[in-house]
All heavy atoms as atom14 arrays in JSON, in Angstrom:
{
  "sequence": "RDLIDAHKTDLERLSSDWEQIGKDMDRAVERYDQTFIKPSARQRVAE",
  "atom14_mask": [
    [1, 1, 1, 1, 1, 1, 1, 1, 1, 1, 1, 0, 0, 0],
    [1, 1, 1, 1, 1, 1, 1, 1, 0, 0, 0, 0, 0, 0],
    [1, 1, 1, 1, 1, 1, 1, 1, 0, 0, 0, 0, 0, 0],
    [1, 1, 1, 1, 1, 1, 1, 1, 0, 0, 0, 0, 0, 0],
    [1, 1, 1, 1, 1, 1, 1, 1, 0, 0, 0, 0, 0, 0],
    [1, 1, 1, 1, 1, 0, 0, 0, 0, 0, 0, 0, 0, 0],
    [1, 1, 1, 1, 1, 1, 1, 1, 1, 1, 0, 0, 0, 0],
    [1, 1, 1, 1, 1, 1, 1, 1, 1, 0, 0, 0, 0, 0],
    [1, 1, 1, 1, 1, 1, 1, 0, 0, 0, 0, 0, 0, 0],
    [1, 1, 1, 1, 1, 1, 1, 1, 0, 0, 0, 0, 0, 0],
    [1, 1, 1, 1, 1, 1, 1, 1, 0, 0, 0, 0, 0, 0],
    [1, 1, 1, 1, 1, 1, 1, 1, 1, 0, 0, 0, 0, 0],
    [1, 1, 1, 1, 1, 1, 1, 1, 1, 1, 1, 0, 0, 0],
    [1, 1, 1, 1, 1, 1, 1, 1, 0, 0, 0, 0, 0, 0],
    [1, 1, 1, 1, 1, 1, 0, 0, 0, 0, 0, 0, 0, 0],
    [1, 1, 1, 1, 1, 1, 0, 0, 0, 0, 0, 0, 0, 0],
    [1, 1, 1, 1, 1, 1, 1, 1, 0, 0, 0, 0, 0, 0],
    [1, 1, 1, 1, 1, 1, 1, 1, 1, 1, 1, 1, 1, 1],
    [1, 1, 1, 1, 1, 1, 1, 1, 1, 0, 0, 0, 0, 0],
    [1, 1, 1, 1, 1, 1, 1, 1, 1, 0, 0, 0, 0, 0],
    [1, 1, 1, 1, 1, 1, 1, 1, 0, 0, 0, 0, 0, 0],
    [1, 1, 1, 1, 0, 0, 0, 0, 0, 0, 0, 0, 0, 0],
    [1, 1, 1, 1, 1, 1, 1, 1, 1, 0, 0, 0, 0, 0],
    [1, 1, 1, 1, 1, 1, 1, 1, 0, 0, 0, 0, 0, 0],
    [1, 1, 1, 1, 1, 1, 1, 1, 0, 0, 0, 0, 0, 0],
    [1, 1, 1, 1, 1, 1, 1, 1, 0, 0, 0, 0, 0, 0],
    [1, 1, 1, 1, 1, 1, 1, 1, 1, 1, 1, 0, 0, 0],
    [1, 1, 1, 1, 1, 0, 0, 0, 0, 0, 0, 0, 0, 0],
    [1, 1, 1, 1, 1, 1, 1, 0, 0, 0, 0, 0, 0, 0],
    [1, 1, 1, 1, 1, 1, 1, 1, 1, 0, 0, 0, 0, 0],
    [1, 1, 1, 1, 1, 1, 1, 1, 1, 1, 1, 0, 0, 0],
    [1, 1, 1, 1, 1, 1, 1, 1, 1, 1, 1, 1, 0, 0],
    [1, 1, 1, 1, 1, 1, 1, 1, 0, 0, 0, 0, 0, 0],
    [1, 1, 1, 1, 1, 1, 1, 1, 1, 0, 0, 0, 0, 0],
    [1, 1, 1, 1, 1, 1, 1, 0, 0, 0, 0, 0, 0, 0],
    [1, 1, 1, 1, 1, 1, 1, 1, 1, 1, 1, 0, 0, 0],
    [1, 1, 1, 1, 1, 1, 1, 1, 0, 0, 0, 0, 0, 0],
    [1, 1, 1, 1, 1, 1, 1, 1, 1, 0, 0, 0, 0, 0],
    [1, 1, 1, 1, 1, 1, 1, 0, 0, 0, 0, 0, 0, 0],
    [1, 1, 1, 1, 1, 1, 0, 0, 0, 0, 0, 0, 0, 0],
    [1, 1, 1, 1, 1, 0, 0, 0, 0, 0, 0, 0, 0, 0],
    [1, 1, 1, 1, 1, 1, 1, 1, 1, 1, 1, 0, 0, 0],
    [1, 1, 1, 1, 1, 1, 1, 1, 1, 0, 0, 0, 0, 0],
    [1, 1, 1, 1, 1, 1, 1, 1, 1, 1, 1, 0, 0, 0],
    [1, 1, 1, 1, 1, 1, 1, 0, 0, 0, 0, 0, 0, 0],
    [1, 1, 1, 1, 1, 0, 0, 0, 0, 0, 0, 0, 0, 0],
    [1, 1, 1, 1, 1, 1, 1, 1, 1, 0, 0, 0, 0, 0]
  ],
  "atom14_positions": [
    [[75.96, 104.24, 81.09], [77.26, 104.74, 80.59], [77.71, 105.97, 81.38], [78.9, 106.23, 81.51], [77.19, 105.06, 79.11], [77.12, 103.83, 78.25], [77.93, 104.1, 76.98], [78.0, 102.92, 76.17], [79.05, 102.1, 76.15], [80.07, 102.35, 76.92], [79.06, 101.05, 75.38], [0.0, 0.0, 0.0], [0.0, 0.0, 0.0], [0.0, 0.0, 0.0]],
    [[76.76, 106.74, 81.89], [77.11, 107.92, 82.69], [77.67, 107.54, 84.06], [78.29, 108.36, 84.72], [75.89, 108.82, 82.88], [75.41, 109.44, 81.57], [76.19, 109.45, 80.6], [74.26, 109.89, 81.54], [0.0, 0.0, 0.0], [0.0, 0.0, 0.0], [0.0, 0.0, 0.0], [0.0, 0.0, 0.0], [0.0, 0.0, 0.0], [0.0, 0.0, 0.0]],
    [[77.44, 106.31, 84.49], [77.86, 105.88, 85.82], [79.27, 105.31, 85.84], [79.82, 105.1, 86.91], [76.88, 104.84, 86.37], [75.42, 105.3, 86.5], [74.55, 104.14, 86.94], [75.31, 106.46, 87.47], [0.0, 0.0, 0.0], [0.0, 0.0, 0.0], [0.0, 0.0, 0.0], [0.0, 0.0, 0.0], [0.0, 0.0, 0.0], [0.0, 0.0, 0.0]],
    [[79.86, 105.02, 84.68], [81.19, 104.42, 84.66], [82.24, 105.49, 84.35], [81.96, 106.52, 83.76], [81.29, 103.27, 83.63], [81.07, 103.78, 82.2], [80.34, 102.15, 83.97], [81.35, 102.75, 81.15], [0.0, 0.0, 0.0], [0.0, 0.0, 0.0], [0.0, 0.0, 0.0], [0.0, 0.0, 0.0], [0.0, 0.0, 0.0], [0.0, 0.0, 0.0]],
    [[83.47, 105.21, 84.78], [84.58, 106.13, 84.54], [85.1, 105.9, 83.12], [85.71, 104.87, 82.83], [85.68, 105.87, 85.57], [86.82, 106.86, 85.47], [86.79, 107.72, 84.57], [87.73, 106.78, 86.31], [0.0, 0.0, 0.0], [0.0, 0.0, 0.0], [0.0, 0.0, 0.0], [0.0, 0.0, 0.0], [0.0, 0.0, 0.0], [0.0, 0.0, 0.0]],
    [[84.87, 106.85, 82.25], [85.24, 106.71, 80.85], [86.75, 106.8, 80.64], [87.24, 106.47, 79.56], [84.53, 107.76, 80.01], [0.0, 0.0, 0.0], [0.0, 0.0, 0.0], [0.0, 0.0, 0.0], [0.0, 0.0, 0.0], [0.0, 0.0, 0.0], [0.0, 0.0, 0.0], [0.0, 0.0, 0.0], [0.0, 0.0, 0.0], [0.0, 0.0, 0.0]],
    [[87.49, 107.24, 81.66], [88.94, 107.4, 81.53], [89.69, 106.11, 81.8], [90.9, 106.06, 81.63], [89.44, 108.51, 82.46], [88.8, 109.83, 82.18], [89.01, 110.53, 81.03], [87.91, 110.55, 82.9], [88.3, 111.64, 81.06], [87.62, 111.68, 82.18], [0.0, 0.0, 0.0], [0.0, 0.0, 0.0], [0.0, 0.0, 0.0], [0.0, 0.0, 0.0]],
    [[88.98, 105.08, 82.23], [89.63, 103.79, 82.5], [89.29, 102.79, 81.4], [88.21, 102.85, 80.8], [89.15, 103.22, 83.83], [89.64, 103.96, 85.05], [89.2, 103.25, 86.31], [89.7, 103.92, 87.55], [89.24, 103.23, 88.75], [0.0, 0.0, 0.0], [0.0, 0.0, 0.0], [0.0, 0.0, 0.0], [0.0, 0.0, 0.0], [0.0, 0.0, 0.0]],
    [[90.19, 101.85, 81.17], [89.92, 100.79, 80.21], [89.03, 99.75, 80.87], [88.87, 99.73, 82.1], [91.23, 100.12, 79.75], [91.81, 99.44, 80.89], [92.21, 101.12, 79.17], [0.0, 0.0, 0.0], [0.0, 0.0, 0.0], [0.0, 0.0, 0.0], [0.0, 0.0, 0.0], [0.0, 0.0, 0.0], [0.0, 0.0, 0.0], [0.0, 0.0, 0.0]],
    [[88.48, 98.87, 80.06], [87.66, 97.78, 80.6], [88.47, 96.93, 81.57], [87.97, 96.53, 82.62], [87.12, 96.9, 79.47], [86.05, 97.58, 78.64], [85.47, 98.58, 79.11], [85.78, 97.11, 77.52], [0.0, 0.0, 0.0], [0.0, 0.0, 0.0], [0.0, 0.0, 0.0], [0.0, 0.0, 0.0], [0.0, 0.0, 0.0], [0.0, 0.0, 0.0]],
    [[89.73, 96.68, 81.22], [90.59, 95.86, 82.08], [90.81, 96.55, 83.43], [90.75, 95.89, 84.48], [91.93, 95.61, 81.4], [92.93, 94.75, 82.17], [92.35, 93.37, 82.45], [94.23, 94.63, 81.4], [0.0, 0.0, 0.0], [0.0, 0.0, 0.0], [0.0, 0.0, 0.0], [0.0, 0.0, 0.0], [0.0, 0.0, 0.0], [0.0, 0.0, 0.0]],
    [[91.01, 97.85, 83.43], [91.21, 98.58, 84.68], [89.94, 98.55, 85.54], [90.01, 98.38, 86.75], [91.61, 100.03, 84.41], [93.02, 100.17, 83.85], [93.31, 101.57, 83.36], [92.39, 102.25, 82.85], [94.48, 101.98, 83.48], [0.0, 0.0, 0.0], [0.0, 0.0, 0.0], [0.0, 0.0, 0.0], [0.0, 0.0, 0.0], [0.0, 0.0, 0.0]],
    [[88.78, 98.74, 84.9], [87.52, 98.7, 85.66], [87.26, 97.3, 86.21], [86.84, 97.15, 87.36], [86.36, 99.16, 84.77], [86.37, 100.66, 84.53], [85.06, 101.13, 83.92], [84.81, 100.59, 82.61], [85.16, 101.18, 81.47], [85.75, 102.34, 81.49], [84.89, 100.62, 80.32], [0.0, 0.0, 0.0], [0.0, 0.0, 0.0], [0.0, 0.0, 0.0]],
    [[87.53, 96.28, 85.41], [87.33, 94.9, 85.88], [88.28, 94.57, 87.01], [87.89, 93.96, 88.02], [87.52, 93.93, 84.71], [87.16, 92.48, 84.95], [85.71, 92.34, 85.4], [87.39, 91.66, 83.7], [0.0, 0.0, 0.0], [0.0, 0.0, 0.0], [0.0, 0.0, 0.0], [0.0, 0.0, 0.0], [0.0, 0.0, 0.0], [0.0, 0.0, 0.0]],
    [[89.53, 95.0, 86.89], [90.51, 94.78, 87.94], [90.07, 95.45, 89.24], [90.18, 94.87, 90.33], [91.87, 95.31, 87.49], [92.81, 95.2, 88.53], [0.0, 0.0, 0.0], [0.0, 0.0, 0.0], [0.0, 0.0, 0.0], [0.0, 0.0, 0.0], [0.0, 0.0, 0.0], [0.0, 0.0, 0.0], [0.0, 0.0, 0.0], [0.0, 0.0, 0.0]],
    [[89.57, 96.66, 89.12], [89.08, 97.4, 90.29], [87.9, 96.67, 90.94], [87.81, 96.6, 92.17], [88.67, 98.81, 89.86], [88.09, 99.49, 90.92], [0.0, 0.0, 0.0], [0.0, 0.0, 0.0], [0.0, 0.0, 0.0], [0.0, 0.0, 0.0], [0.0, 0.0, 0.0], [0.0, 0.0, 0.0], [0.0, 0.0, 0.0], [0.0, 0.0, 0.0]],
    [[87.02, 96.13, 90.12], [85.87, 95.37, 90.65], [86.35, 94.17, 91.45], [85.87, 93.91, 92.56], [84.96, 94.9, 89.52], [84.19, 96.03, 88.86], [84.14, 97.15, 89.43], [83.65, 95.81, 87.76], [0.0, 0.0, 0.0], [0.0, 0.0, 0.0], [0.0, 0.0, 0.0], [0.0, 0.0, 0.0], [0.0, 0.0, 0.0], [0.0, 0.0, 0.0]],
    [[87.31, 93.42, 90.9], [87.8, 92.23, 91.6], [88.55, 92.6, 92.87], [88.49, 91.89, 93.87], [88.66, 91.37, 90.68], [87.81, 90.5, 89.81], [87.64, 90.6, 88.47], [86.98, 89.42, 90.23], [86.76, 89.65, 88.03], [86.34, 88.91, 89.08], [86.71, 88.83, 91.45], [85.46, 87.84, 89.14], [85.82, 87.76, 91.5], [85.21, 87.28, 90.36]],
    [[89.26, 93.71, 92.84], [89.95, 94.17, 94.05], [88.93, 94.47, 95.15], [89.13, 94.09, 96.31], [90.78, 95.41, 93.73], [91.6, 95.9, 94.9], [92.47, 97.09, 94.52], [92.71, 97.33, 93.32], [92.92, 97.78, 95.45], [0.0, 0.0, 0.0], [0.0, 0.0, 0.0], [0.0, 0.0, 0.0], [0.0, 0.0, 0.0], [0.0, 0.0, 0.0]],
    [[87.85, 95.13, 94.79], [86.81, 95.45, 95.76], [86.14, 94.18, 96.28], [85.84, 94.06, 97.47], [85.76, 96.39, 95.15], [84.76, 96.89, 96.15], [85.41, 97.68, 97.28], [86.25, 98.54, 97.04], [85.05, 97.38, 98.51], [0.0, 0.0, 0.0], [0.0, 0.0, 0.0], [0.0, 0.0, 0.0], [0.0, 0.0, 0.0], [0.0, 0.0, 0.0]],
    [[85.91, 93.21, 95.4], [85.33, 91.93, 95.82], [86.25, 91.24, 96.82], [85.78, 90.71, 97.84], [85.06, 91.03, 94.6], [83.91, 91.59, 93.76], [84.76, 89.59, 95.03], [83.74, 90.96, 92.4], [0.0, 0.0, 0.0], [0.0, 0.0, 0.0], [0.0, 0.0, 0.0], [0.0, 0.0, 0.0], [0.0, 0.0, 0.0], [0.0, 0.0, 0.0]],
    [[87.55, 91.27, 96.56], [88.51, 90.67, 97.49], [88.47, 91.34, 98.86], [88.49, 90.66, 99.9], [0.0, 0.0, 0.0], [0.0, 0.0, 0.0], [0.0, 0.0, 0.0], [0.0, 0.0, 0.0], [0.0, 0.0, 0.0], [0.0, 0.0, 0.0], [0.0, 0.0, 0.0], [0.0, 0.0, 0.0], [0.0, 0.0, 0.0], [0.0, 0.0, 0.0]],
    [[88.38, 92.67, 98.87], [88.3, 93.39, 100.14], [87.01, 93.03, 100.88], [87.01, 92.85, 102.11], [88.36, 94.89, 99.9], [89.73, 95.38, 99.47], [89.71, 96.88, 99.17], [91.05, 97.37, 98.67], [90.99, 98.81, 98.33], [0.0, 0.0, 0.0], [0.0, 0.0, 0.0], [0.0, 0.0, 0.0], [0.0, 0.0, 0.0], [0.0, 0.0, 0.0]],
    [[85.91, 92.96, 100.14], [84.63, 92.59, 100.76], [84.69, 91.19, 101.36], [84.19, 90.95, 102.47], [83.49, 92.65, 99.74], [83.14, 94.07, 99.31], [83.55, 95.02, 100.02], [82.46, 94.22, 98.28], [0.0, 0.0, 0.0], [0.0, 0.0, 0.0], [0.0, 0.0, 0.0], [0.0, 0.0, 0.0], [0.0, 0.0, 0.0], [0.0, 0.0, 0.0]],
    [[85.33, 90.26, 100.65], [85.45, 88.89, 101.16], [86.34, 88.85, 102.4], [86.03, 88.13, 103.36], [85.98, 87.97, 100.07], [84.97, 87.74, 98.96], [85.55, 86.65, 97.68], [85.52, 85.09, 98.54], [0.0, 0.0, 0.0], [0.0, 0.0, 0.0], [0.0, 0.0, 0.0], [0.0, 0.0, 0.0], [0.0, 0.0, 0.0], [0.0, 0.0, 0.0]],
    [[87.43, 89.61, 102.39], [88.3, 89.68, 103.58], [87.52, 90.17, 104.8], [87.64, 89.61, 105.89], [89.49, 90.61, 103.34], [90.56, 89.98, 102.47], [90.57, 88.74, 102.31], [91.4, 90.75, 101.94], [0.0, 0.0, 0.0], [0.0, 0.0, 0.0], [0.0, 0.0, 0.0], [0.0, 0.0, 0.0], [0.0, 0.0, 0.0], [0.0, 0.0, 0.0]],
    [[86.71, 91.22, 104.6], [85.91, 91.74, 105.72], [84.88, 90.71, 106.18], [84.64, 90.55, 107.38], [85.2, 93.04, 105.31], [86.11, 94.24, 105.33], [85.34, 95.55, 105.23], [84.58, 95.68, 104.01], [85.04, 96.2, 102.87], [86.27, 96.64, 102.81], [84.28, 96.28, 101.81], [0.0, 0.0, 0.0], [0.0, 0.0, 0.0], [0.0, 0.0, 0.0]],
    [[84.28, 90.0, 105.24], [83.28, 88.99, 105.61], [83.91, 87.85, 106.4], [83.35, 87.39, 107.39], [82.58, 88.45, 104.36], [0.0, 0.0, 0.0], [0.0, 0.0, 0.0], [0.0, 0.0, 0.0], [0.0, 0.0, 0.0], [0.0, 0.0, 0.0], [0.0, 0.0, 0.0], [0.0, 0.0, 0.0], [0.0, 0.0, 0.0], [0.0, 0.0, 0.0]],
    [[85.08, 87.39, 105.98], [85.78, 86.31, 106.69], [86.17, 86.79, 108.08], [86.02, 86.06, 109.07], [87.0, 85.82, 105.89], [87.89, 84.92, 106.73], [86.54, 85.1, 104.63], [0.0, 0.0, 0.0], [0.0, 0.0, 0.0], [0.0, 0.0, 0.0], [0.0, 0.0, 0.0], [0.0, 0.0, 0.0], [0.0, 0.0, 0.0], [0.0, 0.0, 0.0]],
    [[86.68, 88.01, 108.19], [87.07, 88.56, 109.48], [85.86, 88.66, 110.42], [85.93, 88.28, 111.59], [87.71, 89.94, 109.3], [88.2, 90.55, 110.59], [89.33, 89.77, 111.23], [90.1, 89.12, 110.52], [89.41, 89.8, 112.48], [0.0, 0.0, 0.0], [0.0, 0.0, 0.0], [0.0, 0.0, 0.0], [0.0, 0.0, 0.0], [0.0, 0.0, 0.0]],
    [[84.73, 89.14, 109.88], [83.52, 89.25, 110.7], [83.03, 87.85, 111.13], [82.62, 87.66, 112.26], [82.41, 89.95, 109.92], [81.16, 90.14, 110.75], [80.1, 90.87, 109.99], [80.5, 92.25, 109.81], [79.89, 93.1, 109.0], [78.88, 92.7, 108.29], [80.3, 94.34, 108.91], [0.0, 0.0, 0.0], [0.0, 0.0, 0.0], [0.0, 0.0, 0.0]],
    [[83.12, 86.88, 110.22], [82.73, 85.51, 110.55], [83.62, 84.98, 111.67], [83.13, 84.4, 112.65], [82.83, 84.61, 109.33], [82.53, 83.17, 109.63], [81.22, 82.7, 109.6], [83.54, 82.27, 109.96], [80.93, 81.38, 109.89], [83.26, 80.96, 110.26], [81.95, 80.52, 110.23], [81.66, 79.21, 110.53], [0.0, 0.0, 0.0], [0.0, 0.0, 0.0]],
    [[84.93, 85.18, 111.53], [85.86, 84.7, 112.55], [85.56, 85.33, 113.91], [85.56, 84.66, 114.93], [87.31, 85.03, 112.16], [87.83, 84.12, 111.06], [87.17, 83.11, 110.74], [88.9, 84.45, 110.5], [0.0, 0.0, 0.0], [0.0, 0.0, 0.0], [0.0, 0.0, 0.0], [0.0, 0.0, 0.0], [0.0, 0.0, 0.0], [0.0, 0.0, 0.0]],
    [[85.31, 86.62, 113.93], [85.04, 87.31, 115.19], [83.72, 86.87, 115.81], [83.57, 86.89, 117.02], [85.03, 88.83, 114.97], [86.38, 89.38, 114.67], [86.33, 90.85, 114.31], [85.26, 91.44, 114.2], [87.5, 91.45, 114.12], [0.0, 0.0, 0.0], [0.0, 0.0, 0.0], [0.0, 0.0, 0.0], [0.0, 0.0, 0.0], [0.0, 0.0, 0.0]],
    [[82.78, 86.48, 114.97], [81.45, 86.12, 115.46], [81.35, 84.66, 115.88], [80.78, 84.34, 116.92], [80.39, 86.4, 114.38], [80.48, 87.78, 114.0], [78.99, 86.12, 114.89], [0.0, 0.0, 0.0], [0.0, 0.0, 0.0], [0.0, 0.0, 0.0], [0.0, 0.0, 0.0], [0.0, 0.0, 0.0], [0.0, 0.0, 0.0], [0.0, 0.0, 0.0]],
    [[81.93, 83.76, 115.08], [81.67, 82.35, 115.28], [82.85, 81.53, 115.77], [82.67, 80.42, 116.26], [81.14, 81.71, 113.98], [79.83, 82.29, 113.55], [79.75, 83.15, 112.49], [78.67, 81.99, 114.24], [78.54, 83.7, 112.09], [77.45, 82.52, 113.85], [77.39, 83.38, 112.78], [0.0, 0.0, 0.0], [0.0, 0.0, 0.0], [0.0, 0.0, 0.0]],
    [[84.06, 82.02, 115.65], [85.24, 81.27, 116.1], [85.53, 81.67, 117.54], [85.62, 82.84, 117.87], [86.46, 81.57, 115.21], [86.14, 81.32, 113.74], [87.67, 80.76, 115.67], [85.82, 79.89, 113.39], [0.0, 0.0, 0.0], [0.0, 0.0, 0.0], [0.0, 0.0, 0.0], [0.0, 0.0, 0.0], [0.0, 0.0, 0.0], [0.0, 0.0, 0.0]],
    [[85.68, 80.68, 118.39], [85.96, 80.95, 119.8], [87.32, 81.63, 119.93], [88.25, 81.31, 119.21], [85.94, 79.65, 120.6], [84.57, 79.01, 120.67], [84.62, 77.75, 121.47], [83.25, 77.1, 121.49], [83.26, 75.82, 122.16], [0.0, 0.0, 0.0], [0.0, 0.0, 0.0], [0.0, 0.0, 0.0], [0.0, 0.0, 0.0], [0.0, 0.0, 0.0]],
    [[87.44, 82.56, 120.88], [88.71, 83.28, 121.04], [89.9, 82.35, 121.25], [90.97, 82.61, 120.72], [88.47, 84.15, 122.27], [86.99, 84.34, 122.33], [86.4, 83.07, 121.77], [0.0, 0.0, 0.0], [0.0, 0.0, 0.0], [0.0, 0.0, 0.0], [0.0, 0.0, 0.0], [0.0, 0.0, 0.0], [0.0, 0.0, 0.0], [0.0, 0.0, 0.0]],
    [[89.74, 81.27, 121.98], [90.88, 80.37, 122.22], [91.32, 79.69, 120.92], [92.51, 79.53, 120.68], [90.51, 79.33, 123.27], [89.4, 78.55, 122.85], [0.0, 0.0, 0.0], [0.0, 0.0, 0.0], [0.0, 0.0, 0.0], [0.0, 0.0, 0.0], [0.0, 0.0, 0.0], [0.0, 0.0, 0.0], [0.0, 0.0, 0.0], [0.0, 0.0, 0.0]],
    [[90.37, 79.33, 120.06], [90.72, 78.7, 118.79], [91.41, 79.72, 117.89], [92.36, 79.4, 117.18], [89.48, 78.15, 118.12], [0.0, 0.0, 0.0], [0.0, 0.0, 0.0], [0.0, 0.0, 0.0], [0.0, 0.0, 0.0], [0.0, 0.0, 0.0], [0.0, 0.0, 0.0], [0.0, 0.0, 0.0], [0.0, 0.0, 0.0], [0.0, 0.0, 0.0]],
    [[90.95, 80.96, 117.91], [91.55, 82.01, 117.09], [92.99, 82.26, 117.54], [93.88, 82.46, 116.75], [90.72, 83.28, 117.24], [91.0, 84.3, 116.16], [90.13, 85.53, 116.23], [88.74, 85.23, 116.47], [87.97, 85.89, 117.35], [88.46, 86.88, 118.05], [86.72, 85.55, 117.53], [0.0, 0.0, 0.0], [0.0, 0.0, 0.0], [0.0, 0.0, 0.0]],
    [[93.21, 82.2, 118.84], [94.55, 82.42, 119.39], [95.49, 81.3, 118.95], [96.63, 81.55, 118.56], [94.45, 82.46, 120.91], [95.48, 83.32, 121.56], [95.14, 83.51, 123.05], [94.43, 82.7, 123.64], [95.65, 84.58, 123.62], [0.0, 0.0, 0.0], [0.0, 0.0, 0.0], [0.0, 0.0, 0.0], [0.0, 0.0, 0.0], [0.0, 0.0, 0.0]],
    [[95.0, 80.05, 118.98], [95.83, 78.92, 118.56], [96.2, 79.04, 117.08], [97.32, 78.74, 116.68], [95.12, 77.6, 118.81], [95.1, 77.2, 120.27], [94.69, 75.74, 120.43], [93.42, 75.41, 119.82], [92.22, 75.48, 120.41], [92.13, 75.87, 121.66], [91.13, 75.16, 119.77], [0.0, 0.0, 0.0], [0.0, 0.0, 0.0], [0.0, 0.0, 0.0]],
    [[95.26, 79.49, 116.25], [95.54, 79.64, 114.82], [96.57, 80.75, 114.61], [97.47, 80.62, 113.8], [94.23, 79.96, 114.05], [94.53, 80.39, 112.63], [93.3, 78.76, 114.07], [0.0, 0.0, 0.0], [0.0, 0.0, 0.0], [0.0, 0.0, 0.0], [0.0, 0.0, 0.0], [0.0, 0.0, 0.0], [0.0, 0.0, 0.0], [0.0, 0.0, 0.0]],
    [[96.47, 81.84, 115.35], [97.41, 82.94, 115.21], [98.81, 82.54, 115.63], [99.79, 83.03, 115.09], [96.91, 84.13, 116.02], [0.0, 0.0, 0.0], [0.0, 0.0, 0.0], [0.0, 0.0, 0.0], [0.0, 0.0, 0.0], [0.0, 0.0, 0.0], [0.0, 0.0, 0.0], [0.0, 0.0, 0.0], [0.0, 0.0, 0.0], [0.0, 0.0, 0.0]],
    [[98.92, 81.64, 116.63], [100.22, 81.22, 117.12], [100.89, 80.24, 116.18], [102.11, 80.11, 116.17], [100.07, 80.58, 118.51], [99.67, 81.59, 119.58], [99.3, 80.91, 120.9], [99.31, 79.66, 120.96], [99.0, 81.64, 121.85], [0.0, 0.0, 0.0], [0.0, 0.0, 0.0], [0.0, 0.0, 0.0], [0.0, 0.0, 0.0], [0.0, 0.0, 0.0]]
  ]
}
């Protein structure tokens, strides 16, 4: 209980958790794309 922000509601804390999960997933997908997708294929998708 000392580790959570008591000034936020459960809904606000849960929303914040999901927002952070979304950011983490975006970074993971970006890292995957940079590591495993060939540059030419990435360029075709961007175009």
